[in-house]
Protein backbone atom coordinates (compact mmCIF):
# COMPACT_ATOMS: atom_id res chain seq x y z
CA MET A 1 151.44 89.60 117.98
CA PRO A 2 149.53 89.89 121.28
CA PRO A 3 146.67 92.41 121.32
CA LYS A 4 147.25 95.58 123.27
CA HIS A 5 146.11 95.29 126.87
CA THR A 6 147.00 97.29 129.94
CA TYR A 7 147.35 94.08 131.94
CA SER A 8 147.93 90.75 130.23
CA GLY A 9 149.67 87.42 130.39
CA VAL A 10 149.79 84.74 133.07
CA TYR A 11 149.00 86.02 136.55
CA THR A 12 149.19 83.84 139.65
CA ALA A 13 146.34 83.98 142.13
CA LEU A 14 148.80 83.93 144.99
CA ALA A 15 148.37 81.50 147.88
CA THR A 16 149.01 83.09 151.28
CA PRO A 17 151.24 81.12 153.67
CA LEU A 18 150.40 81.30 157.36
CA SER A 19 152.29 80.73 160.57
CA ASN A 20 150.28 80.35 163.77
CA GLY A 21 147.30 81.91 162.05
CA ARG A 22 149.07 85.01 160.75
CA PRO A 23 150.45 85.77 157.28
CA ASP A 24 154.00 84.48 156.89
CA PHE A 25 155.75 87.15 154.85
CA GLN A 26 159.07 85.32 154.59
CA ARG A 27 157.46 82.28 152.96
CA LEU A 28 155.30 84.54 150.80
CA GLN A 29 158.21 86.49 149.39
CA LYS A 30 160.24 83.34 148.74
CA HIS A 31 157.31 81.93 146.76
CA ILE A 32 156.91 85.17 144.82
CA ARG A 33 160.56 85.09 143.80
CA VAL A 34 160.11 81.53 142.55
CA LEU A 35 157.04 82.57 140.55
CA ALA A 36 159.03 85.40 138.98
CA GLN A 37 161.59 82.81 137.88
CA ASP A 38 158.71 80.70 136.53
CA GLY A 39 157.94 83.60 134.20
CA VAL A 40 154.63 84.93 135.50
CA ASP A 41 153.61 88.40 134.39
CA GLY A 42 151.79 89.43 137.54
CA LEU A 43 150.31 88.43 140.87
CA LEU A 44 146.83 88.62 142.34
CA VAL A 45 147.11 89.18 146.08
CA ASN A 46 144.11 88.56 148.38
CA GLY A 47 142.06 86.65 145.85
CA THR A 48 140.06 83.49 146.49
CA THR A 49 143.13 81.25 146.43
CA GLY A 50 144.87 83.73 148.71
CA GLU A 51 142.06 83.54 151.31
CA GLY A 52 141.59 87.28 150.94
CA GLN A 53 138.17 87.33 152.58
CA SER A 54 139.71 85.77 155.70
CA PHE A 55 142.04 88.71 156.33
CA ASP A 56 141.39 92.08 157.92
CA GLN A 57 142.18 95.40 156.28
CA THR A 58 145.64 95.71 157.80
CA GLU A 59 146.65 92.17 156.82
CA ARG A 60 145.42 92.71 153.27
CA ALA A 61 147.43 95.89 152.88
CA ASP A 62 150.53 94.31 154.41
CA LEU A 63 150.30 91.40 151.96
CA VAL A 64 150.10 93.76 148.99
CA ALA A 65 153.08 95.73 150.27
CA ALA A 66 155.08 92.52 150.77
CA ALA A 67 154.33 91.37 147.24
CA ARG A 68 155.35 94.74 145.84
CA GLU A 69 158.62 94.61 147.75
CA ALA A 70 159.41 91.06 146.64
CA ALA A 71 158.72 91.61 142.94
CA PRO A 72 159.04 95.21 141.78
CA GLU A 73 159.21 93.96 138.19
CA LEU A 74 155.80 92.23 138.27
CA LYS A 75 152.33 93.71 138.01
CA ILE A 76 150.50 93.53 141.33
CA MET A 77 146.72 93.19 141.36
CA ALA A 78 144.98 93.37 144.74
CA GLY A 79 141.67 91.81 145.65
CA THR A 80 139.75 94.51 147.52
CA GLY A 81 136.09 93.50 147.36
CA CYS A 82 134.12 93.20 150.59
CA ALA A 83 130.45 92.87 151.51
CA SER A 84 130.57 96.39 152.96
CA LEU A 85 130.78 99.35 150.59
CA THR A 86 132.95 101.36 152.97
CA ASP A 87 135.29 98.42 153.54
CA THR A 88 135.69 98.00 149.78
CA ILE A 89 136.45 101.70 149.37
CA HIS A 90 139.02 101.66 152.17
CA ALA A 91 140.65 98.42 150.98
CA THR A 92 140.91 99.79 147.44
CA GLN A 93 142.40 103.08 148.57
CA LYS A 94 144.92 101.29 150.77
CA ALA A 95 145.89 98.80 148.06
CA PHE A 96 146.81 101.59 145.66
CA ALA A 97 148.63 103.43 148.44
CA VAL A 98 150.92 100.48 149.25
CA GLY A 99 151.84 99.63 145.68
CA ALA A 100 149.10 97.80 143.79
CA ASP A 101 149.01 98.52 140.07
CA CYS A 102 145.32 97.69 139.83
CA VAL A 103 142.57 96.08 141.90
CA LEU A 104 140.08 93.25 141.48
CA ILE A 105 136.67 93.74 143.09
CA VAL A 106 134.17 90.97 143.72
CA PRO A 107 130.53 92.13 143.95
CA PRO A 108 129.11 92.53 147.47
CA PHE A 109 128.19 88.99 148.37
CA PHE A 110 125.81 88.89 151.34
CA PHE A 111 122.62 90.24 149.79
CA ARG A 112 122.17 88.06 146.73
CA SER A 113 118.85 89.25 145.31
CA VAL A 114 120.14 92.69 144.45
CA THR A 115 119.32 94.61 141.28
CA THR A 116 121.68 95.70 138.56
CA SER A 117 120.91 99.30 139.53
CA GLY A 118 121.97 98.63 143.11
CA LEU A 119 125.21 96.98 142.03
CA ALA A 120 125.94 99.77 139.58
CA GLU A 121 125.54 102.36 142.33
CA TYR A 122 127.78 100.33 144.66
CA PHE A 123 130.56 100.18 142.09
CA ARG A 124 130.03 103.78 140.99
CA ARG A 125 130.78 104.91 144.54
CA VAL A 126 133.85 102.69 144.76
CA PHE A 127 135.22 104.13 141.53
CA ALA A 128 134.38 107.69 142.58
CA GLU A 129 136.09 107.45 145.96
CA ALA A 130 138.88 104.92 145.49
CA VAL A 131 139.95 104.49 141.85
CA PRO A 132 141.81 107.60 140.65
CA GLU A 133 141.99 108.66 137.03
CA GLY A 134 144.70 106.69 135.29
CA ARG A 135 144.14 103.64 137.51
CA LYS A 136 142.00 100.61 136.80
CA ALA A 137 139.76 98.20 138.66
CA LEU A 138 138.64 94.87 137.26
CA LEU A 139 135.46 93.11 138.36
CA TYR A 140 135.52 89.54 139.62
CA HIS A 141 132.90 87.20 138.14
CA ILE A 142 132.77 84.11 140.34
CA PRO A 143 129.03 83.54 140.86
CA GLN A 144 129.40 79.99 142.16
CA VAL A 145 131.19 81.50 145.18
CA SER A 146 129.90 85.07 145.50
CA GLY A 147 126.32 84.35 144.49
CA VAL A 148 126.28 87.69 142.64
CA PRO A 149 127.24 87.63 138.95
CA VAL A 150 128.96 90.34 136.95
CA THR A 151 126.49 90.69 134.08
CA ILE A 152 126.69 92.30 130.66
CA GLU A 153 124.07 94.83 131.77
CA LEU A 154 126.18 95.81 134.78
CA LEU A 155 129.34 96.14 132.70
CA ASP A 156 127.56 98.25 130.08
CA ARG A 157 126.29 100.63 132.75
CA LEU A 158 129.68 100.96 134.39
CA ARG A 159 131.49 101.44 131.10
CA ASP A 160 129.19 104.37 130.41
CA SER A 161 129.53 105.87 133.90
CA VAL A 162 133.18 105.34 134.90
CA GLY A 163 134.90 105.02 131.53
CA PRO A 164 138.37 103.50 131.12
CA ARG A 165 138.89 103.09 134.86
CA LEU A 166 136.78 99.93 134.42
CA GLY A 167 139.69 97.79 133.36
CA GLY A 168 138.12 94.43 132.69
CA VAL A 169 136.90 91.19 134.24
CA LYS A 170 138.35 88.08 135.78
CA ASP A 171 135.89 85.39 134.69
CA SER A 172 136.13 82.46 137.10
CA SER A 173 132.71 81.06 136.24
CA GLY A 174 134.24 78.30 134.12
CA ASP A 175 131.67 79.10 131.41
CA VAL A 176 133.64 79.32 128.17
CA ASP A 177 130.73 80.89 126.28
CA ASN A 178 130.51 83.70 128.82
CA LEU A 179 134.28 84.22 128.67
CA VAL A 180 134.31 84.47 124.89
CA THR A 181 131.31 86.81 124.93
CA LEU A 182 133.12 89.17 127.30
CA CYS A 183 136.27 89.15 125.15
CA LYS A 184 134.32 89.92 121.99
CA ARG A 185 132.02 92.55 123.51
CA TYR A 186 134.71 94.45 125.41
CA PRO A 187 137.88 94.37 123.28
CA GLU A 188 139.09 97.55 124.99
CA MET A 189 139.08 95.79 128.38
CA ASP A 190 141.38 93.20 129.90
CA ILE A 191 139.32 90.01 130.11
CA PHE A 192 141.07 87.21 132.00
CA SER A 193 140.15 83.57 132.38
CA GLY A 194 140.15 82.32 135.95
CA PHE A 195 141.22 78.84 134.84
CA ASP A 196 144.29 77.72 132.93
CA ASP A 197 142.32 75.26 130.80
CA LEU A 198 140.42 78.22 129.29
CA LEU A 199 143.53 80.32 128.63
CA LEU A 200 143.64 79.31 124.98
CA ASP A 201 139.94 80.13 124.52
CA ASP A 202 140.54 83.53 126.09
CA LEU A 203 143.50 84.31 123.84
CA GLN A 204 141.71 83.12 120.70
CA ALA A 205 138.87 85.53 121.50
CA GLY A 206 141.27 88.46 121.98
CA GLY A 207 141.38 88.29 125.77
CA ALA A 208 144.20 89.28 128.10
CA GLY A 209 145.28 85.95 129.56
CA CYS A 210 144.61 84.16 132.83
CA ILE A 211 144.67 84.75 136.57
CA THR A 212 144.76 81.33 138.17
CA ALA A 213 145.37 79.23 141.22
CA GLU A 214 147.01 76.57 139.08
CA SER A 215 149.89 78.85 138.13
CA ASN A 216 151.22 78.64 141.69
CA ILE A 217 152.52 75.33 140.33
CA LEU A 218 151.97 75.29 136.57
CA ALA A 219 153.00 78.77 135.43
CA PRO A 220 155.70 77.55 133.01
CA LEU A 221 153.16 75.39 131.19
CA ALA A 222 150.68 78.27 130.89
CA LYS A 223 153.44 80.56 129.61
CA LYS A 224 154.42 77.91 127.07
CA LEU A 225 150.84 77.80 125.76
CA GLU A 226 150.81 81.58 125.48
CA ARG A 227 154.11 81.68 123.57
CA VAL A 228 153.06 78.92 121.19
CA PHE A 229 149.74 80.65 120.50
CA PHE A 230 151.32 84.01 119.71
CA ASP A 231 153.89 82.28 117.51
CA GLY A 232 150.98 81.06 115.40
CA LEU A 233 151.51 77.40 116.26
CA ASP A 234 149.15 74.74 117.59
CA ALA A 235 148.60 75.36 121.30
CA GLN A 236 145.90 72.70 121.69
CA PRO A 237 148.27 70.08 123.17
CA TYR A 238 149.17 72.50 125.97
CA LYS A 239 145.51 73.24 126.61
CA GLN A 240 144.95 69.50 126.97
CA MET A 241 147.83 69.20 129.42
CA LEU A 242 146.49 72.07 131.52
CA THR A 243 143.04 70.50 131.51
CA GLU A 244 144.39 67.16 132.69
CA ALA A 245 146.54 68.87 135.32
CA GLN A 246 143.56 70.40 137.12
CA VAL A 247 143.47 67.42 139.45
CA PHE A 248 142.60 69.52 142.46
CA LEU A 249 139.24 70.63 141.06
CA PRO A 250 137.23 67.91 142.89
CA TYR A 251 138.41 69.31 146.21
CA ALA A 252 136.08 71.78 147.90
CA SER A 253 138.80 74.14 149.05
CA TYR A 254 141.06 75.58 146.35
CA PRO A 255 143.37 77.27 148.89
CA SER A 256 143.88 74.01 150.79
CA ALA A 257 144.60 72.05 147.63
CA ILE A 258 147.06 74.58 146.25
CA LYS A 259 148.78 74.81 149.61
CA GLY A 260 149.07 71.03 149.68
CA LEU A 261 150.92 71.17 146.38
CA LEU A 262 153.12 74.03 147.55
CA ALA A 263 153.98 72.15 150.75
CA ALA A 264 155.28 69.36 148.53
CA ARG A 265 157.03 71.73 146.13
CA TYR A 266 158.95 73.41 148.94
CA HIS A 267 159.22 70.37 151.25
CA ASP A 268 157.60 72.54 153.90
CA ASP A 269 154.45 71.37 155.71
CA GLY A 270 154.01 74.88 157.07
CA TRP A 271 152.35 75.63 153.73
CA LEU A 272 149.43 73.38 154.68
CA GLU A 273 148.05 75.86 157.21
CA VAL A 274 144.83 77.69 156.30
CA ARG A 275 142.68 80.05 158.33
CA PRO A 276 139.34 78.71 159.62
CA PRO A 277 136.68 78.05 158.46
CA LEU A 278 138.88 76.40 155.81
CA GLU A 279 140.56 73.15 156.80
CA PRO A 280 143.99 71.94 155.74
CA LEU A 281 144.33 69.24 153.12
CA SER A 282 144.85 65.78 154.58
CA HIS A 283 148.16 64.08 153.90
CA ALA A 284 146.29 61.34 152.02
CA ASP A 285 144.64 63.84 149.68
CA GLN A 286 147.91 65.73 149.33
CA ALA A 287 149.63 62.53 148.20
CA LYS A 288 146.90 61.91 145.59
CA LEU A 289 147.33 65.40 144.16
CA VAL A 290 151.10 65.25 144.09
CA ASN A 291 151.17 61.79 142.54
CA SER A 292 148.71 62.86 139.84
CA LEU A 293 150.95 65.73 138.80
CA LEU A 294 154.08 63.61 139.10
CA ALA A 295 152.56 61.15 136.65
CA MET A 296 152.34 64.02 134.14
CA ASP A 297 155.84 65.28 135.00
CA LEU A 298 154.30 68.55 136.20
CA MET A 299 155.22 68.61 139.90
CA PRO A 300 158.21 70.92 140.40
CA GLY A 301 160.52 70.20 143.30
CA VAL A 302 159.33 66.62 143.80
CA GLU A 303 160.79 63.43 142.35
């Protein structure tokens, strides 16, 4: 049986469609309904894949509200971290107000030589002003992007100061040893892998599941791995398939790569649009990605 977690399963780090530079809510909600049919347990809105740092406060809140409207049955997690403390507080308050179940907060990412004490105070203020009792915020460990890691020392301090409102961690470092350490050290928290190929490692260590870009396309495969694991069967073949399917990893821009795949899935080149400074995936690179997944019979909507 799965361990008890507040939030668990396969969550999609939702890509955000654009039209003339603005969020396209019609495309977004169509995609969300497809993901619900794919079997996902929840959605992360305004994460890295969703270009969350490229949107202003109003756009972020509107995207969360649109996701909530499209999928009342799914858990909605909202990315609310900003470089500014006050912006993070306001984004977190607004996300809860418009329907988020929980939030995911990346550390402040401009000043990189900050101390654990400084980060602890930053998060303490966010929890005090924006995360009510009974609600949870997870921290986002993606040091290769943010430049500021979520360390054991920081988590220990926050666990002592804010209690169960500290809900867990999304570990997108790609470091399996770090992921397993988090799962073992904080069994009361929801520890998610940020990559599908580490989902099995997360589950074996007692973790909550995964929150991934890949599940915009590969959610049924991730859910199959999860079911096989909890049935006590060998899930290693599915881990291998998910590892091989991560063909977009060599590309610098996750959002552009995922959108290239979604453009093919929906036969809709409007999905290729990203907000600068990101650049759209070229048609040549899109074809390489699609053909790689087609060769593994893992490209829905394309023959």
